[in-house]
mmCIF file of all heavy atoms, coordinates in Angstrom:
data_MODEL
# 
_entry.id   MODEL 
# 
loop_
_atom_site.group_PDB 
_atom_site.id 
_atom_site.type_symbol 
_atom_site.label_atom_id 
_atom_site.label_alt_id 
_atom_site.label_comp_id 
_atom_site.label_asym_id 
_atom_site.label_entity_id 
_atom_site.label_seq_id 
_atom_site.pdbx_PDB_ins_code 
_atom_site.Cartn_x 
_atom_site.Cartn_y 
_atom_site.Cartn_z 
_atom_site.occupancy 
_atom_site.B_iso_or_equiv 
_atom_site.pdbx_formal_charge 
_atom_site.auth_seq_id 
_atom_site.auth_comp_id 
_atom_site.auth_asym_id 
_atom_site.auth_atom_id 
_atom_site.pdbx_PDB_model_num 
ATOM 1   N N   . ASN A 1 1  ? -8.123 -0.001  -20.541 1.00 0.00 ? 1  ASN A N   1 
ATOM 2   C CA  . ASN A 1 1  ? -7.961 -0.878  -19.399 1.00 0.00 ? 1  ASN A CA  1 
ATOM 3   C C   . ASN A 1 1  ? -6.684 -0.606  -18.613 1.00 0.00 ? 1  ASN A C   1 
ATOM 4   O O   . ASN A 1 1  ? -6.238 -1.463  -17.831 1.00 0.00 ? 1  ASN A O   1 
ATOM 5   C CB  . ASN A 1 1  ? -8.002 -2.367  -19.844 1.00 0.00 ? 1  ASN A CB  1 
ATOM 6   C CG  . ASN A 1 1  ? -6.853 -2.693  -20.790 1.00 0.00 ? 1  ASN A CG  1 
ATOM 7   O OD1 . ASN A 1 1  ? -6.184 -1.805  -21.268 1.00 0.00 ? 1  ASN A OD1 1 
ATOM 8   N ND2 . ASN A 1 1  ? -6.683 -3.961  -21.038 1.00 0.00 ? 1  ASN A ND2 1 
ATOM 9   N N   . ILE A 1 2  ? -6.095 0.503   -18.809 1.00 0.00 ? 2  ILE A N   1 
ATOM 10  C CA  . ILE A 1 2  ? -4.853 0.865   -18.134 1.00 0.00 ? 2  ILE A CA  1 
ATOM 11  C C   . ILE A 1 2  ? -5.097 2.037   -17.166 1.00 0.00 ? 2  ILE A C   1 
ATOM 12  O O   . ILE A 1 2  ? -5.759 3.018   -17.547 1.00 0.00 ? 2  ILE A O   1 
ATOM 13  C CB  . ILE A 1 2  ? -3.733 1.253   -19.095 1.00 0.00 ? 2  ILE A CB  1 
ATOM 14  C CG1 . ILE A 1 2  ? -3.405 0.095   -20.025 1.00 0.00 ? 2  ILE A CG1 1 
ATOM 15  C CG2 . ILE A 1 2  ? -2.492 1.744   -18.383 1.00 0.00 ? 2  ILE A CG2 1 
ATOM 16  C CD1 . ILE A 1 2  ? -2.446 0.391   -21.128 1.00 0.00 ? 2  ILE A CD1 1 
ATOM 17  N N   . GLN A 1 3  ? -4.583 1.880   -15.938 1.00 0.00 ? 3  GLN A N   1 
ATOM 18  C CA  . GLN A 1 3  ? -4.758 2.939   -14.962 1.00 0.00 ? 3  GLN A CA  1 
ATOM 19  C C   . GLN A 1 3  ? -3.372 3.306   -14.430 1.00 0.00 ? 3  GLN A C   1 
ATOM 20  O O   . GLN A 1 3  ? -2.606 2.427   -14.041 1.00 0.00 ? 3  GLN A O   1 
ATOM 21  C CB  . GLN A 1 3  ? -5.649 2.488   -13.804 1.00 0.00 ? 3  GLN A CB  1 
ATOM 22  C CG  . GLN A 1 3  ? -5.869 3.538   -12.749 1.00 0.00 ? 3  GLN A CG  1 
ATOM 23  C CD  . GLN A 1 3  ? -6.721 3.020   -11.624 1.00 0.00 ? 3  GLN A CD  1 
ATOM 24  O OE1 . GLN A 1 3  ? -7.014 1.819   -11.548 1.00 0.00 ? 3  GLN A OE1 1 
ATOM 25  N NE2 . GLN A 1 3  ? -7.171 3.876   -10.786 1.00 0.00 ? 3  GLN A NE2 1 
ATOM 26  N N   . TYR A 1 4  ? -3.010 4.561   -14.404 1.00 0.00 ? 4  TYR A N   1 
ATOM 27  C CA  . TYR A 1 4  ? -1.720 5.042   -13.916 1.00 0.00 ? 4  TYR A CA  1 
ATOM 28  C C   . TYR A 1 4  ? -1.924 5.669   -12.551 1.00 0.00 ? 4  TYR A C   1 
ATOM 29  O O   . TYR A 1 4  ? -2.782 6.529   -12.394 1.00 0.00 ? 4  TYR A O   1 
ATOM 30  C CB  . TYR A 1 4  ? -1.126 6.039   -14.851 1.00 0.00 ? 4  TYR A CB  1 
ATOM 31  C CG  . TYR A 1 4  ? -0.752 5.466   -16.215 1.00 0.00 ? 4  TYR A CG  1 
ATOM 32  C CD1 . TYR A 1 4  ? -1.629 5.583   -17.298 1.00 0.00 ? 4  TYR A CD1 1 
ATOM 33  C CD2 . TYR A 1 4  ? 0.416  4.759   -16.367 1.00 0.00 ? 4  TYR A CD2 1 
ATOM 34  C CE1 . TYR A 1 4  ? -1.293 5.020   -18.515 1.00 0.00 ? 4  TYR A CE1 1 
ATOM 35  C CE2 . TYR A 1 4  ? 0.741  4.213   -17.610 1.00 0.00 ? 4  TYR A CE2 1 
ATOM 36  C CZ  . TYR A 1 4  ? -0.098 4.325   -18.678 1.00 0.00 ? 4  TYR A CZ  1 
ATOM 37  O OH  . TYR A 1 4  ? 0.237  3.807   -19.889 1.00 0.00 ? 4  TYR A OH  1 
ATOM 38  N N   . ILE A 1 5  ? -1.137 5.255   -11.579 1.00 0.00 ? 5  ILE A N   1 
ATOM 39  C CA  . ILE A 1 5  ? -1.128 5.840   -10.271 1.00 0.00 ? 5  ILE A CA  1 
ATOM 40  C C   . ILE A 1 5  ? 0.074  6.770   -10.234 1.00 0.00 ? 5  ILE A C   1 
ATOM 41  O O   . ILE A 1 5  ? 1.215  6.287   -10.293 1.00 0.00 ? 5  ILE A O   1 
ATOM 42  C CB  . ILE A 1 5  ? -1.064 4.747   -9.177  1.00 0.00 ? 5  ILE A CB  1 
ATOM 43  C CG1 . ILE A 1 5  ? -2.251 3.819   -9.305  1.00 0.00 ? 5  ILE A CG1 1 
ATOM 44  C CG2 . ILE A 1 5  ? -1.001 5.385   -7.787  1.00 0.00 ? 5  ILE A CG2 1 
ATOM 45  C CD1 . ILE A 1 5  ? -2.212 2.623   -8.401  1.00 0.00 ? 5  ILE A CD1 1 
ATOM 46  N N   . GLU A 1 6  ? -0.156 8.048   -10.113 1.00 0.00 ? 6  GLU A N   1 
ATOM 47  C CA  . GLU A 1 6  ? 0.889  9.035   -10.210 1.00 0.00 ? 6  GLU A CA  1 
ATOM 48  C C   . GLU A 1 6  ? 1.452  9.426   -8.860  1.00 0.00 ? 6  GLU A C   1 
ATOM 49  O O   . GLU A 1 6  ? 2.364  10.296  -8.807  1.00 0.00 ? 6  GLU A O   1 
ATOM 50  C CB  . GLU A 1 6  ? 0.402  10.242  -10.982 1.00 0.00 ? 6  GLU A CB  1 
ATOM 51  C CG  . GLU A 1 6  ? 0.062  9.892   -12.418 1.00 0.00 ? 6  GLU A CG  1 
ATOM 52  C CD  . GLU A 1 6  ? -0.425 11.078  -13.235 1.00 0.00 ? 6  GLU A CD  1 
ATOM 53  O OE1 . GLU A 1 6  ? -0.361 12.213  -12.713 1.00 0.00 ? 6  GLU A OE1 1 
ATOM 54  O OE2 . GLU A 1 6  ? -0.801 10.868  -14.399 1.00 0.00 ? 6  GLU A OE2 1 
ATOM 55  N N   . ASP A 1 7  ? 0.974  8.883   -7.780  1.00 0.00 ? 7  ASP A N   1 
ATOM 56  C CA  . ASP A 1 7  ? 1.488  9.178   -6.464  1.00 0.00 ? 7  ASP A CA  1 
ATOM 57  C C   . ASP A 1 7  ? 2.842  8.519   -6.289  1.00 0.00 ? 7  ASP A C   1 
ATOM 58  O O   . ASP A 1 7  ? 2.959  7.297   -6.376  1.00 0.00 ? 7  ASP A O   1 
ATOM 59  C CB  . ASP A 1 7  ? 0.512  8.664   -5.387  1.00 0.00 ? 7  ASP A CB  1 
ATOM 60  C CG  . ASP A 1 7  ? 0.904  9.061   -3.971  1.00 0.00 ? 7  ASP A CG  1 
ATOM 61  O OD1 . ASP A 1 7  ? 1.926  9.773   -3.783  1.00 0.00 ? 7  ASP A OD1 1 
ATOM 62  O OD2 . ASP A 1 7  ? 0.205  8.645   -3.059  1.00 0.00 ? 7  ASP A OD2 1 
ATOM 63  N N   . VAL A 1 8  ? 3.885  9.326   -6.024  1.00 0.00 ? 8  VAL A N   1 
ATOM 64  C CA  . VAL A 1 8  ? 5.202  8.787   -5.898  1.00 0.00 ? 8  VAL A CA  1 
ATOM 65  C C   . VAL A 1 8  ? 5.392  7.929   -4.656  1.00 0.00 ? 8  VAL A C   1 
ATOM 66  O O   . VAL A 1 8  ? 6.343  7.172   -4.548  1.00 0.00 ? 8  VAL A O   1 
ATOM 67  C CB  . VAL A 1 8  ? 6.316  9.910   -5.960  1.00 0.00 ? 8  VAL A CB  1 
ATOM 68  C CG1 . VAL A 1 8  ? 6.309  10.583  -7.322  1.00 0.00 ? 8  VAL A CG1 1 
ATOM 69  C CG2 . VAL A 1 8  ? 6.112  10.896  -4.856  1.00 0.00 ? 8  VAL A CG2 1 
ATOM 70  N N   . ARG A 1 9  ? 4.508  8.081   -3.697  1.00 0.00 ? 9  ARG A N   1 
ATOM 71  C CA  . ARG A 1 9  ? 4.583  7.329   -2.438  1.00 0.00 ? 9  ARG A CA  1 
ATOM 72  C C   . ARG A 1 9  ? 3.619  6.151   -2.429  1.00 0.00 ? 9  ARG A C   1 
ATOM 73  O O   . ARG A 1 9  ? 3.385  5.572   -1.332  1.00 0.00 ? 9  ARG A O   1 
ATOM 74  C CB  . ARG A 1 9  ? 4.313  8.233   -1.251  1.00 0.00 ? 9  ARG A CB  1 
ATOM 75  C CG  . ARG A 1 9  ? 5.373  9.308   -1.083  1.00 0.00 ? 9  ARG A CG  1 
ATOM 76  C CD  . ARG A 1 9  ? 5.109  10.141  0.128   1.00 0.00 ? 9  ARG A CD  1 
ATOM 77  N NE  . ARG A 1 9  ? 5.477  11.501  -0.216  1.00 0.00 ? 9  ARG A NE  1 
ATOM 78  C CZ  . ARG A 1 9  ? 4.682  12.565  -0.051  1.00 0.00 ? 9  ARG A CZ  1 
ATOM 79  N NH1 . ARG A 1 9  ? 3.509  12.419  0.489   1.00 0.00 ? 9  ARG A NH1 1 
ATOM 80  N NH2 . ARG A 1 9  ? 5.074  13.732  -0.441  1.00 0.00 ? 9  ARG A NH2 1 
ATOM 81  N N   . ALA A 1 10 ? 3.040  5.772   -3.508  1.00 0.00 ? 10 ALA A N   1 
ATOM 82  C CA  . ALA A 1 10 ? 1.989  4.744   -3.543  1.00 0.00 ? 10 ALA A CA  1 
ATOM 83  C C   . ALA A 1 10 ? 2.558  3.417   -3.065  1.00 0.00 ? 10 ALA A C   1 
ATOM 84  O O   . ALA A 1 10 ? 1.881  2.672   -2.332  1.00 0.00 ? 10 ALA A O   1 
ATOM 85  C CB  . ALA A 1 10 ? 1.441  4.608   -4.950  1.00 0.00 ? 10 ALA A CB  1 
ATOM 86  N N   . ASN A 1 11 ? 3.785  3.062   -3.434  1.00 0.00 ? 11 ASN A N   1 
ATOM 87  C CA  . ASN A 1 11 ? 4.385  1.757   -3.027  1.00 0.00 ? 11 ASN A CA  1 
ATOM 88  C C   . ASN A 1 11 ? 4.553  1.757   -1.519  1.00 0.00 ? 11 ASN A C   1 
ATOM 89  O O   . ASN A 1 11 ? 4.232  0.768   -0.856  1.00 0.00 ? 11 ASN A O   1 
ATOM 90  C CB  . ASN A 1 11 ? 5.703  1.597   -3.739  1.00 0.00 ? 11 ASN A CB  1 
ATOM 91  C CG  . ASN A 1 11 ? 6.192  0.171   -3.656  1.00 0.00 ? 11 ASN A CG  1 
ATOM 92  O OD1 . ASN A 1 11 ? 5.374  -0.751  -3.641  1.00 0.00 ? 11 ASN A OD1 1 
ATOM 93  N ND2 . ASN A 1 11 ? 7.472  -0.041  -3.689  1.00 0.00 ? 11 ASN A ND2 1 
ATOM 94  N N   . ALA A 1 12 ? 5.066  2.826   -0.961  1.00 0.00 ? 12 ALA A N   1 
ATOM 95  C CA  . ALA A 1 12 ? 5.269  2.908   0.494   1.00 0.00 ? 12 ALA A CA  1 
ATOM 96  C C   . ALA A 1 12 ? 3.953  2.821   1.242   1.00 0.00 ? 12 ALA A C   1 
ATOM 97  O O   . ALA A 1 12 ? 3.814  2.152   2.288   1.00 0.00 ? 12 ALA A O   1 
ATOM 98  C CB  . ALA A 1 12 ? 6.020  4.189   0.854   1.00 0.00 ? 12 ALA A CB  1 
ATOM 99  N N   . LYS A 1 13 ? 2.941  3.483   0.741   1.00 0.00 ? 13 LYS A N   1 
ATOM 100 C CA  . LYS A 1 13 ? 1.625  3.463   1.377   1.00 0.00 ? 13 LYS A CA  1 
ATOM 101 C C   . LYS A 1 13 ? 1.047  2.056   1.355   1.00 0.00 ? 13 LYS A C   1 
ATOM 102 O O   . LYS A 1 13 ? 0.429  1.577   2.299   1.00 0.00 ? 13 LYS A O   1 
ATOM 103 C CB  . LYS A 1 13 ? 0.675  4.416   0.638   1.00 0.00 ? 13 LYS A CB  1 
ATOM 104 C CG  . LYS A 1 13 ? 0.992  5.859   0.923   1.00 0.00 ? 13 LYS A CG  1 
ATOM 105 C CD  . LYS A 1 13 ? 0.068  6.738   0.142   1.00 0.00 ? 13 LYS A CD  1 
ATOM 106 C CE  . LYS A 1 13 ? 0.382  8.235   0.313   1.00 0.00 ? 13 LYS A CE  1 
ATOM 107 N NZ  . LYS A 1 13 ? -0.525 9.086   -0.457  1.00 0.00 ? 13 LYS A NZ  1 
ATOM 108 N N   . GLY A 1 14 ? 1.235  1.362   0.253   1.00 0.00 ? 14 GLY A N   1 
ATOM 109 C CA  . GLY A 1 14 ? 0.747  -0.048  0.149   1.00 0.00 ? 14 GLY A CA  1 
ATOM 110 C C   . GLY A 1 14 ? 1.433  -0.933  1.153   1.00 0.00 ? 14 GLY A C   1 
ATOM 111 O O   . GLY A 1 14 ? 0.795  -1.758  1.820   1.00 0.00 ? 14 GLY A O   1 
ATOM 112 N N   . TYR A 1 15 ? 2.734  -0.818  1.280   1.00 0.00 ? 15 TYR A N   1 
ATOM 113 C CA  . TYR A 1 15 ? 3.457  -1.629  2.268   1.00 0.00 ? 15 TYR A CA  1 
ATOM 114 C C   . TYR A 1 15 ? 3.079  -1.269  3.709   1.00 0.00 ? 15 TYR A C   1 
ATOM 115 O O   . TYR A 1 15 ? 3.007  -2.133  4.576   1.00 0.00 ? 15 TYR A O   1 
ATOM 116 C CB  . TYR A 1 15 ? 4.976  -1.519  2.054   1.00 0.00 ? 15 TYR A CB  1 
ATOM 117 C CG  . TYR A 1 15 ? 5.445  -2.491  1.028   1.00 0.00 ? 15 TYR A CG  1 
ATOM 118 C CD1 . TYR A 1 15 ? 5.830  -2.056  -0.238  1.00 0.00 ? 15 TYR A CD1 1 
ATOM 119 C CD2 . TYR A 1 15 ? 5.543  -3.863  1.323   1.00 0.00 ? 15 TYR A CD2 1 
ATOM 120 C CE1 . TYR A 1 15 ? 6.265  -2.944  -1.189  1.00 0.00 ? 15 TYR A CE1 1 
ATOM 121 C CE2 . TYR A 1 15 ? 5.997  -4.724  0.382   1.00 0.00 ? 15 TYR A CE2 1 
ATOM 122 C CZ  . TYR A 1 15 ? 6.371  -4.287  -0.886  1.00 0.00 ? 15 TYR A CZ  1 
ATOM 123 O OH  . TYR A 1 15 ? 6.763  -5.167  -1.823  1.00 0.00 ? 15 TYR A OH  1 
ATOM 124 N N   . GLU A 1 16 ? 2.764  -0.005  3.939   1.00 0.00 ? 16 GLU A N   1 
ATOM 125 C CA  . GLU A 1 16 ? 2.315  0.377   5.264   1.00 0.00 ? 16 GLU A CA  1 
ATOM 126 C C   . GLU A 1 16 ? 0.963  -0.254  5.588   1.00 0.00 ? 16 GLU A C   1 
ATOM 127 O O   . GLU A 1 16 ? 0.725  -0.729  6.667   1.00 0.00 ? 16 GLU A O   1 
ATOM 128 C CB  . GLU A 1 16 ? 2.200  1.911   5.312   1.00 0.00 ? 16 GLU A CB  1 
ATOM 129 C CG  . GLU A 1 16 ? 1.814  2.432   6.699   1.00 0.00 ? 16 GLU A CG  1 
ATOM 130 C CD  . GLU A 1 16 ? 1.768  3.932   6.767   1.00 0.00 ? 16 GLU A CD  1 
ATOM 131 O OE1 . GLU A 1 16 ? 1.904  4.600   5.745   1.00 0.00 ? 16 GLU A OE1 1 
ATOM 132 O OE2 . GLU A 1 16 ? 1.624  4.437   7.896   1.00 0.00 ? 16 GLU A OE2 1 
ATOM 133 N N   . MET A 1 17 ? 0.080  -0.301  4.586   1.00 0.00 ? 17 MET A N   1 
ATOM 134 C CA  . MET A 1 17 ? -1.236 -0.939  4.779   1.00 0.00 ? 17 MET A CA  1 
ATOM 135 C C   . MET A 1 17 ? -1.062 -2.427  5.020   1.00 0.00 ? 17 MET A C   1 
ATOM 136 O O   . MET A 1 17 ? -1.707 -3.012  5.918   1.00 0.00 ? 17 MET A O   1 
ATOM 137 C CB  . MET A 1 17 ? -2.109 -0.729  3.545   1.00 0.00 ? 17 MET A CB  1 
ATOM 138 C CG  . MET A 1 17 ? -2.612 0.650   3.386   1.00 0.00 ? 17 MET A CG  1 
ATOM 139 S SD  . MET A 1 17 ? -3.466 0.970   1.850   1.00 0.00 ? 17 MET A SD  1 
ATOM 140 C CE  . MET A 1 17 ? -4.795 -0.224  1.937   1.00 0.00 ? 17 MET A CE  1 
ATOM 141 N N   . LEU A 1 18 ? -0.187 -3.101  4.286   1.00 0.00 ? 18 LEU A N   1 
ATOM 142 C CA  . LEU A 1 18 ? 0.086  -4.512  4.532   1.00 0.00 ? 18 LEU A CA  1 
ATOM 143 C C   . LEU A 1 18 ? 0.650  -4.780  5.910   1.00 0.00 ? 18 LEU A C   1 
ATOM 144 O O   . LEU A 1 18 ? 0.253  -5.717  6.608   1.00 0.00 ? 18 LEU A O   1 
ATOM 145 C CB  . LEU A 1 18 ? 1.061  -5.061  3.497   1.00 0.00 ? 18 LEU A CB  1 
ATOM 146 C CG  . LEU A 1 18 ? 0.502  -5.314  2.088   1.00 0.00 ? 18 LEU A CG  1 
ATOM 147 C CD1 . LEU A 1 18 ? 1.636  -5.690  1.146   1.00 0.00 ? 18 LEU A CD1 1 
ATOM 148 C CD2 . LEU A 1 18 ? -0.527 -6.414  2.117   1.00 0.00 ? 18 LEU A CD2 1 
ATOM 149 N N   . GLY A 1 19 ? 1.567  -3.954  6.342   1.00 0.00 ? 19 GLY A N   1 
ATOM 150 C CA  . GLY A 1 19 ? 2.169  -4.098  7.667   1.00 0.00 ? 19 GLY A CA  1 
ATOM 151 C C   . GLY A 1 19 ? 1.148  -3.868  8.769   1.00 0.00 ? 19 GLY A C   1 
ATOM 152 O O   . GLY A 1 19 ? 1.094  -4.646  9.766   1.00 0.00 ? 19 GLY A O   1 
ATOM 153 N N   . SER A 1 20 ? 0.246  -2.895  8.601   1.00 0.00 ? 20 SER A N   1 
ATOM 154 C CA  . SER A 1 20 ? -0.753 -2.672  9.604   1.00 0.00 ? 20 SER A CA  1 
ATOM 155 C C   . SER A 1 20 ? -1.737 -3.859  9.684   1.00 0.00 ? 20 SER A C   1 
ATOM 156 O O   . SER A 1 20 ? -2.138 -4.272  10.769  1.00 0.00 ? 20 SER A O   1 
ATOM 157 C CB  . SER A 1 20 ? -1.555 -1.401  9.249   1.00 0.00 ? 20 SER A CB  1 
ATOM 158 O OG  . SER A 1 20 ? -0.717 -0.285  9.330   1.00 0.00 ? 20 SER A OG  1 
ATOM 159 N N   . ALA A 1 21 ? -2.100 -4.396  8.530   1.00 0.00 ? 21 ALA A N   1 
ATOM 160 C CA  . ALA A 1 21 ? -2.994 -5.543  8.524   1.00 0.00 ? 21 ALA A CA  1 
ATOM 161 C C   . ALA A 1 21 ? -2.334 -6.758  9.168   1.00 0.00 ? 21 ALA A C   1 
ATOM 162 O O   . ALA A 1 21 ? -2.996 -7.495  9.902   1.00 0.00 ? 21 ALA A O   1 
ATOM 163 C CB  . ALA A 1 21 ? -3.369 -5.874  7.069   1.00 0.00 ? 21 ALA A CB  1 
ATOM 164 N N   . TYR A 1 22 ? -1.045 -6.970  8.889   1.00 0.00 ? 22 TYR A N   1 
ATOM 165 C CA  . TYR A 1 22 ? -0.316 -8.067  9.507   1.00 0.00 ? 22 TYR A CA  1 
ATOM 166 C C   . TYR A 1 22 ? -0.266 -7.961  11.012  1.00 0.00 ? 22 TYR A C   1 
ATOM 167 O O   . TYR A 1 22 ? -0.506 -8.910  11.759  1.00 0.00 ? 22 TYR A O   1 
ATOM 168 C CB  . TYR A 1 22 ? 1.100  -8.132  8.916   1.00 0.00 ? 22 TYR A CB  1 
ATOM 169 C CG  . TYR A 1 22 ? 1.930  -9.224  9.574   1.00 0.00 ? 22 TYR A CG  1 
ATOM 170 C CD1 . TYR A 1 22 ? 1.829  -10.548 9.204   1.00 0.00 ? 22 TYR A CD1 1 
ATOM 171 C CD2 . TYR A 1 22 ? 2.855  -8.879  10.572  1.00 0.00 ? 22 TYR A CD2 1 
ATOM 172 C CE1 . TYR A 1 22 ? 2.549  -11.522 9.773   1.00 0.00 ? 22 TYR A CE1 1 
ATOM 173 C CE2 . TYR A 1 22 ? 3.621  -9.883  11.155  1.00 0.00 ? 22 TYR A CE2 1 
ATOM 174 C CZ  . TYR A 1 22 ? 3.467  -11.183 10.778  1.00 0.00 ? 22 TYR A CZ  1 
ATOM 175 O OH  . TYR A 1 22 ? 4.224  -12.183 11.376  1.00 0.00 ? 22 TYR A OH  1 
ATOM 176 N N   . LEU A 1 23 ? 0.046  -6.739  11.513  1.00 0.00 ? 23 LEU A N   1 
ATOM 177 C CA  . LEU A 1 23 ? 0.143  -6.536  12.933  1.00 0.00 ? 23 LEU A CA  1 
ATOM 178 C C   . LEU A 1 23 ? -1.245 -6.684  13.632  1.00 0.00 ? 23 LEU A C   1 
ATOM 179 O O   . LEU A 1 23 ? -1.304 -7.219  14.716  1.00 0.00 ? 23 LEU A O   1 
ATOM 180 C CB  . LEU A 1 23 ? 0.708  -5.134  13.253  1.00 0.00 ? 23 LEU A CB  1 
ATOM 181 C CG  . LEU A 1 23 ? 2.191  -4.981  12.911  1.00 0.00 ? 23 LEU A CG  1 
ATOM 182 C CD1 . LEU A 1 23 ? 2.620  -3.521  13.118  1.00 0.00 ? 23 LEU A CD1 1 
ATOM 183 C CD2 . LEU A 1 23 ? 3.056  -5.908  13.761  1.00 0.00 ? 23 LEU A CD2 1 
ATOM 184 N N   . ALA A 1 24 ? -2.281 -6.215  12.963  1.00 0.00 ? 24 ALA A N   1 
ATOM 185 C CA  . ALA A 1 24 ? -3.625 -6.347  13.536  1.00 0.00 ? 24 ALA A CA  1 
ATOM 186 C C   . ALA A 1 24 ? -3.961 -7.843  13.640  1.00 0.00 ? 24 ALA A C   1 
ATOM 187 O O   . ALA A 1 24 ? -4.574 -8.281  14.647  1.00 0.00 ? 24 ALA A O   1 
ATOM 188 C CB  . ALA A 1 24 ? -4.623 -5.637  12.646  1.00 0.00 ? 24 ALA A CB  1 
ATOM 189 N N   . LYS A 1 25 ? -3.657 -8.586  12.624  1.00 0.00 ? 25 LYS A N   1 
ATOM 190 C CA  . LYS A 1 25 ? -3.970 -10.061 12.663  1.00 0.00 ? 25 LYS A CA  1 
ATOM 191 C C   . LYS A 1 25 ? -3.149 -10.745 13.745  1.00 0.00 ? 25 LYS A C   1 
ATOM 192 O O   . LYS A 1 25 ? -3.645 -11.618 14.454  1.00 0.00 ? 25 LYS A O   1 
ATOM 193 C CB  . LYS A 1 25 ? -3.647 -10.698 11.300  1.00 0.00 ? 25 LYS A CB  1 
ATOM 194 C CG  . LYS A 1 25 ? -4.091 -12.103 11.176  1.00 0.00 ? 25 LYS A CG  1 
ATOM 195 C CD  . LYS A 1 25 ? -3.899 -12.628 9.776   1.00 0.00 ? 25 LYS A CD  1 
ATOM 196 C CE  . LYS A 1 25 ? -4.366 -14.050 9.665   1.00 0.00 ? 25 LYS A CE  1 
ATOM 197 N NZ  . LYS A 1 25 ? -4.199 -14.568 8.300   1.00 0.00 ? 25 LYS A NZ  1 
ATOM 198 N N   . ALA A 1 26 ? -1.873 -10.352 13.893  1.00 0.00 ? 26 ALA A N   1 
ATOM 199 C CA  . ALA A 1 26 ? -1.034 -10.937 14.965  1.00 0.00 ? 26 ALA A CA  1 
ATOM 200 C C   . ALA A 1 26 ? -1.581 -10.586 16.344  1.00 0.00 ? 26 ALA A C   1 
ATOM 201 O O   . ALA A 1 26 ? -1.550 -11.462 17.217  1.00 0.00 ? 26 ALA A O   1 
ATOM 202 C CB  . ALA A 1 26 ? 0.411  -10.431 14.808  1.00 0.00 ? 26 ALA A CB  1 
# 
């Protein structure tokens, strides 16, 4: 039940997705 995400930029990509969603909603 454990999954490892090995992409070193995964956190930045996630925040970019959140920011885009926020701006689209605004």
